[in-house]
Protein backbone atom coordinates (compact mmCIF):
# COMPACT_ATOMS: atom_id res chain seq x y z
CA MET A 1 0.00 0.00 0.00
CA SER A 2 1.43 3.38 -0.99
CA SER A 3 1.00 6.51 1.14
CA PRO A 4 -2.36 8.12 0.23
CA ASP A 5 -2.64 11.82 -0.56
CA TRP A 6 -4.55 14.01 1.94
CA ASP A 7 -6.51 15.69 -0.85
CA ASP A 8 -7.73 12.27 -1.95
CA GLN A 9 -8.68 11.36 1.62
CA ARG A 10 -10.50 14.67 2.04
CA THR A 11 -12.40 13.91 -1.15
CA LEU A 12 -13.47 10.54 0.24
CA LEU A 13 -14.79 12.24 3.38
CA ALA A 14 -16.76 14.69 1.24
CA VAL A 15 -18.34 11.88 -0.78
CA LEU A 16 -19.29 10.03 2.41
CA ARG A 17 -20.86 13.18 3.82
CA GLU A 18 -22.65 14.34 0.69
CA GLY A 19 -23.70 10.90 -0.51
CA SER A 20 -22.66 11.41 -4.13
CA LEU A 21 -19.76 12.44 -6.35
CA LEU A 22 -21.72 15.48 -7.52
CA GLY A 23 -22.45 16.60 -3.97
CA ALA A 24 -18.80 16.21 -3.02
CA ALA A 25 -17.75 18.16 -6.11
CA ARG A 26 -20.00 21.04 -5.07
CA ALA A 27 -18.77 20.97 -1.48
CA LEU A 28 -15.11 21.01 -2.55
CA ALA A 29 -15.59 23.37 -5.52
CA LEU A 30 -14.20 20.72 -7.89
CA SER A 31 -15.45 19.08 -11.04
CA GLN A 32 -17.15 15.71 -10.76
CA PRO A 33 -14.48 14.00 -12.94
CA THR A 34 -11.80 15.34 -10.57
CA VAL A 35 -13.64 13.85 -7.58
CA ARG A 36 -13.93 10.51 -9.39
CA ARG A 37 -10.20 10.51 -10.26
CA ARG A 38 -9.25 11.25 -6.65
CA ILE A 39 -11.42 8.40 -5.35
CA GLU A 40 -9.88 6.03 -7.89
CA ALA A 41 -6.38 7.20 -6.91
CA LEU A 42 -7.16 6.58 -3.25
CA GLU A 43 -8.50 3.11 -3.99
CA ALA A 44 -5.31 2.32 -5.88
CA ALA A 45 -3.13 3.65 -3.05
CA LEU A 46 -5.01 1.68 -0.40
CA GLY A 47 -5.65 -1.41 -2.44
CA LEU A 48 -9.32 -1.25 -1.44
CA VAL A 49 -12.67 -0.89 -3.15
CA LEU A 50 -14.31 2.09 -1.45
CA PHE A 51 -17.52 2.31 -3.46
CA ASN A 52 -19.82 -0.06 -5.31
CA ARG A 53 -20.65 1.77 -8.51
CA SER A 54 -23.85 1.63 -10.52
CA ALA A 55 -25.35 3.74 -13.25
CA ALA A 56 -27.43 5.64 -10.71
CA ALA A 57 -25.16 6.10 -7.69
CA VAL A 58 -22.04 5.17 -5.75
CA VAL A 59 -22.60 3.16 -2.57
CA PRO A 60 -19.82 3.13 0.07
CA THR A 61 -18.44 -0.24 1.10
CA GLN A 62 -18.23 -1.18 4.77
CA GLN A 63 -14.49 -0.51 4.68
CA ALA A 64 -15.14 3.04 3.44
CA LEU A 65 -17.67 3.63 6.21
CA GLU A 66 -15.21 2.40 8.82
CA LEU A 67 -12.63 4.90 7.58
CA ARG A 68 -14.90 7.90 8.20
CA PRO A 69 -14.03 8.49 11.91
CA HIS A 70 -10.32 8.42 11.02
CA LEU A 71 -10.87 10.85 8.17
CA GLU A 72 -12.79 13.20 10.47
CA ALA A 73 -9.98 13.05 13.03
CA MET A 74 -7.48 13.90 10.29
CA GLU A 75 -9.67 16.80 9.18
CA ARG A 76 -9.79 18.17 12.74
CA ALA A 77 -6.02 17.91 13.00
CA ALA A 78 -5.56 19.64 9.65
CA LEU A 79 -7.86 22.50 10.64
CA ALA A 80 -6.12 22.87 14.00
CA PHE A 81 -2.78 22.96 12.19
CA GLN A 82 -4.04 25.69 9.87
CA ARG A 83 -5.25 27.78 12.80
CA GLY A 84 -1.98 27.26 14.62
CA ALA A 85 0.05 28.22 11.57
CA SER A 86 -2.06 31.27 10.70
CA ALA A 87 -0.13 33.54 13.07
CA ASP A 88 2.54 33.32 15.74
CA ALA A 89 1.59 33.01 19.40
CA ALA A 90 2.44 36.63 20.23
CA ALA A 91 0.55 38.20 17.31
CA LEU A 92 -2.94 39.64 17.59
CA ALA A 93 -3.78 38.19 14.19
CA GLY A 94 -4.83 34.90 12.67
CA ARG A 95 -7.66 32.43 13.10
CA VAL A 96 -9.69 31.92 16.26
CA ARG A 97 -12.50 29.37 16.12
CA VAL A 98 -15.39 29.77 18.56
CA THR A 99 -18.05 27.13 19.13
CA SER A 100 -21.41 27.28 20.87
CA SER A 101 -24.93 25.95 20.70
CA GLU A 102 -27.10 26.84 17.72
CA LEU A 103 -29.15 29.42 19.62
CA LEU A 104 -26.22 31.22 21.26
CA GLY A 105 -24.21 31.01 18.06
CA VAL A 106 -26.90 32.84 16.11
CA GLU A 107 -28.45 35.14 18.69
CA LEU A 108 -25.50 36.06 20.92
CA LEU A 109 -22.01 35.45 19.58
CA PRO A 110 -22.15 37.57 16.38
CA LEU A 111 -23.40 40.48 18.49
CA LEU A 112 -20.52 40.07 20.94
CA LEU A 113 -17.84 39.48 18.33
CA ALA A 114 -18.64 42.46 16.09
CA PRO A 115 -16.94 45.14 18.26
CA LEU A 116 -13.87 42.93 18.66
CA ARG A 117 -13.54 42.50 14.90
CA GLU A 118 -13.80 46.27 14.42
CA ARG A 119 -10.88 46.83 16.82
CA HIS A 120 -8.70 43.98 15.56
CA ALA A 121 -9.16 43.61 11.82
CA ALA A 122 -6.34 41.06 11.52
CA LEU A 123 -8.29 38.49 13.51
CA GLU A 124 -9.96 35.80 11.43
CA LEU A 125 -12.99 34.65 13.40
CA GLU A 126 -14.65 31.31 12.77
CA LEU A 127 -17.94 30.17 14.29
CA SER A 128 -18.98 26.54 14.72
CA LEU A 129 -22.38 25.48 16.05
CA SER A 130 -22.05 22.31 18.10
CA ASP A 131 -22.92 21.04 21.59
CA ARG A 132 -19.94 18.70 21.91
CA LEU A 133 -17.33 19.82 24.45
CA GLU A 134 -14.92 17.49 22.66
CA ASP A 135 -14.57 20.31 20.13
CA LEU A 136 -11.99 21.81 22.49
CA ILE A 137 -10.36 18.62 23.68
CA GLU A 138 -9.80 17.45 20.11
CA HIS A 139 -8.74 20.97 18.99
CA GLU A 140 -11.72 21.41 16.67
CA ALA A 141 -12.23 24.84 18.22
CA ASP A 142 -10.30 27.28 20.39
CA ILE A 143 -13.09 28.70 22.59
CA ALA A 144 -16.50 27.36 23.58
CA LEU A 145 -19.53 29.13 25.06
CA ARG A 146 -21.67 26.61 26.93
CA SER A 147 -24.64 26.46 29.32
CA ALA A 148 -22.89 23.95 31.61
CA ARG A 149 -19.53 24.13 33.33
CA PRO A 150 -16.85 22.18 31.42
CA GLU A 151 -15.10 19.85 33.86
CA HIS A 152 -12.18 18.53 31.80
CA GLU A 153 -8.85 19.16 33.50
CA ALA A 154 -7.24 20.29 30.24
CA LEU A 155 -9.67 23.21 29.93
CA ILE A 156 -9.75 26.70 31.44
CA ALA A 157 -13.35 27.56 32.34
CA ARG A 158 -14.81 30.94 33.33
CA ARG A 159 -18.38 31.63 34.42
CA VAL A 160 -19.64 34.70 32.55
CA GLY A 161 -23.03 34.97 34.21
CA SER A 162 -26.44 33.40 34.30
CA SER A 163 -29.46 33.81 32.08
CA ARG A 164 -33.03 33.39 33.27
CA ILE A 165 -35.19 31.28 31.01
CA GLY A 166 -38.87 32.16 31.15
CA LEU A 167 -41.96 32.03 28.99
CA TYR A 168 -42.48 34.61 26.26
CA ALA A 169 -44.86 35.42 23.45
CA ALA A 170 -45.13 37.84 20.56
CA PRO A 171 -47.06 41.02 21.39
CA ALA A 172 -49.58 40.21 18.63
CA LEU A 173 -50.41 36.84 20.16
CA ILE A 174 -50.99 38.34 23.61
CA GLY A 175 -53.07 41.08 22.03
CA ARG A 176 -55.22 38.48 20.33
CA LEU A 177 -55.52 35.81 23.04
CA GLY A 178 -54.51 37.57 26.21
CA ALA A 179 -52.12 35.99 28.70
CA PRO A 180 -52.78 32.94 30.89
CA PRO A 181 -53.63 34.14 34.41
CA VAL A 182 -51.92 31.24 36.23
CA LEU A 183 -49.47 28.48 35.35
CA ALA A 184 -52.20 25.84 35.66
CA ALA A 185 -54.04 27.46 32.73
CA LEU A 186 -50.98 27.56 30.44
CA GLY A 187 -51.99 24.39 28.57
CA GLU A 188 -55.07 26.17 27.20
CA TRP A 189 -52.83 28.52 25.14
CA PRO A 190 -50.84 27.47 22.04
CA LEU A 191 -47.38 26.43 23.20
CA ILE A 192 -43.98 26.12 21.55
CA ILE A 193 -42.58 22.88 22.96
CA PRO A 194 -39.79 20.36 22.25
CA ASP A 195 -40.61 17.54 19.87
CA ARG A 196 -38.46 14.55 20.87
CA ALA A 197 -35.90 16.16 23.18
CA ALA A 198 -36.72 14.23 26.36
CA LYS A 199 -34.19 16.17 28.45
CA ASP A 200 -35.71 19.53 27.51
CA LEU A 201 -39.22 18.23 28.16
CA ALA A 202 -38.14 16.98 31.58
CA VAL A 203 -36.67 20.36 32.52
CA LEU A 204 -39.88 22.16 31.54
CA ALA A 205 -42.02 19.63 33.42
CA ALA A 206 -39.89 20.00 36.55
CA HIS A 207 -40.90 23.67 36.67
CA GLY A 208 -44.61 23.05 36.16
CA HIS A 209 -44.87 23.40 32.37
CA PRO A 210 -47.58 21.15 30.86
CA GLY A 211 -45.29 20.10 27.99
CA THR A 212 -46.92 17.63 25.63
CA GLN A 213 -50.08 17.70 27.74
CA GLY A 214 -50.75 21.24 26.59
CA GLN A 215 -51.91 22.65 23.29
CA ALA A 216 -49.00 22.54 20.83
CA GLY A 217 -48.69 25.58 18.58
CA LEU A 218 -45.49 24.09 17.21
CA ARG A 219 -43.08 21.32 18.23
CA ALA A 220 -39.36 21.61 17.49
CA ASP A 221 -36.21 20.40 19.21
CA SER A 222 -34.11 23.23 17.80
CA HIS A 223 -33.99 26.11 20.29
CA LEU A 224 -33.44 28.50 17.40
CA ALA A 225 -36.58 27.20 15.66
CA GLN A 226 -38.50 27.58 18.93
CA LEU A 227 -37.43 31.21 19.17
CA ALA A 228 -38.47 31.85 15.57
CA ALA A 229 -41.89 30.30 16.29
CA VAL A 230 -42.40 32.50 19.35
CA LYS A 231 -41.41 35.62 17.38
CA ALA A 232 -43.83 34.64 14.61
CA GLY A 233 -46.73 34.45 17.07
CA LEU A 234 -47.25 30.70 16.86
CA GLY A 235 -47.39 30.29 20.62
CA ILE A 236 -45.89 30.84 24.04
CA GLY A 237 -42.43 29.34 24.47
CA PRO A 238 -39.28 29.33 26.61
CA CYS A 239 -36.55 31.85 25.91
CA HIS A 240 -33.50 33.43 27.54
CA ALA A 241 -34.58 36.74 29.05
CA PRO A 242 -31.82 38.87 27.43
CA ILE A 243 -32.64 37.45 23.99
CA ALA A 244 -36.36 37.93 24.54
CA ARG A 245 -35.82 41.57 25.55
CA ARG A 246 -33.76 42.14 22.43
CA HIS A 247 -36.63 40.93 20.23
CA GLY A 248 -39.38 42.76 22.10
CA LEU A 249 -41.13 39.61 23.30
CA VAL A 250 -43.71 39.80 26.09
CA PRO A 251 -42.96 37.91 29.34
CA VAL A 252 -45.65 35.45 30.40
CA LEU A 253 -46.19 34.19 33.98
CA GLN A 254 -42.99 35.77 35.25
CA ASP A 255 -43.76 34.87 38.86
CA GLY A 256 -45.02 31.38 38.05
CA PHE A 257 -42.38 29.94 35.73
CA GLY A 258 -38.66 30.36 35.18
CA PHE A 259 -35.21 28.99 35.95
CA GLU A 260 -31.58 30.04 35.68
CA ARG A 261 -28.96 28.76 33.26
CA GLU A 262 -25.29 29.52 33.86
CA LEU A 263 -23.10 30.39 30.87
CA TRP A 264 -19.45 29.39 30.77
CA LEU A 265 -16.53 30.11 28.47
CA ALA A 266 -13.86 27.47 28.05
CA MET A 267 -10.57 27.14 26.21
CA PRO A 268 -7.74 24.60 26.22
CA GLU A 269 -5.02 25.25 28.80
CA SER A 270 -2.51 24.80 25.99
CA LEU A 271 -3.77 28.02 24.32
CA ARG A 272 -3.42 30.22 27.39
CA LYS A 273 -0.33 31.98 26.02
CA VAL A 274 -1.58 32.31 22.44
CA ARG A 275 -2.37 36.00 22.37
CA ARG A 276 -5.12 36.05 19.75
CA VAL A 277 -7.07 33.31 21.57
CA ALA A 278 -6.57 34.89 24.98
CA VAL A 279 -7.78 38.28 23.72
CA VAL A 280 -10.93 36.81 22.16
CA PHE A 281 -11.59 34.78 25.33
CA ARG A 282 -11.26 37.84 27.57
CA HIS A 283 -13.41 40.00 25.28
CA LEU A 284 -16.18 37.40 25.12
CA ALA A 285 -16.16 36.96 28.89
CA GLU A 286 -16.57 40.69 29.50
CA ALA A 287 -19.08 41.27 26.69
CA ALA A 288 -21.21 38.26 27.68
CA ALA A 289 -21.30 39.44 31.31
CA ARG A 290 -22.60 42.84 30.18
CA PHE A 291 -25.20 41.26 27.88
CA LEU A 292 -26.47 38.99 30.65
CA SER A 293 -26.80 41.80 33.19
CA PRO A 294 -30.46 42.53 34.03
CA ALA A 295 -31.87 45.51 32.15
């Protein structure tokens, strides 16, 4: 077996992800014949058949599927290498990759990062939406914003504040239906609730929310989709108070329902002395604390 080329391996990963040569070609900005040639070159280098070909499609073999985790690990290492090589440790320039949940990544982080980017134009900011803390451990990202304290000994963690999660609705919905007078009556109003996320349903139920026993205006496990549904007037749903204030949503049953969620920033200990990462970490910690402060 000869040593395979990384570009060929990256092409294999793209085909596995996209499910077709054409999809991989689009993802990699290559032509479909180029993708096919790279797959054939990789098969020759490995001495393996990676795909069963037919007139309609290419179907990965079991050996190809078993290679995917290794390819993804190589991709993470390559991206970490690129970030590490993008600037020296003392420079306030180069790539910094930040990861967070979908909701915080859309509703909070761009708002916090904008002033930093204005001050330091040489920073190349990347944003990844993921809930896996392994992003940091495996060097997929440099900084993570999470709603639970990271416990791994290789990470530096800093609490940036807490956010109260309560029930909110669009002004138009409250104007049309009024607001429930007590928590026990909440199920009579259209609700934005999780679909299959048992953990989220359990948290709501623990605080007296009727969950699936109430009237569902819309069910979605994505917190970002839930927020969009509340803003559109589809029902009453849970939301972080600072985000709800920003969108002009109306609080519902403030005294009857709500709970706190801490927010934490984390970064690998190994990046402590990398200036660009440390500066972004410190800025996010301070900016998040201000954003989370009660109005």
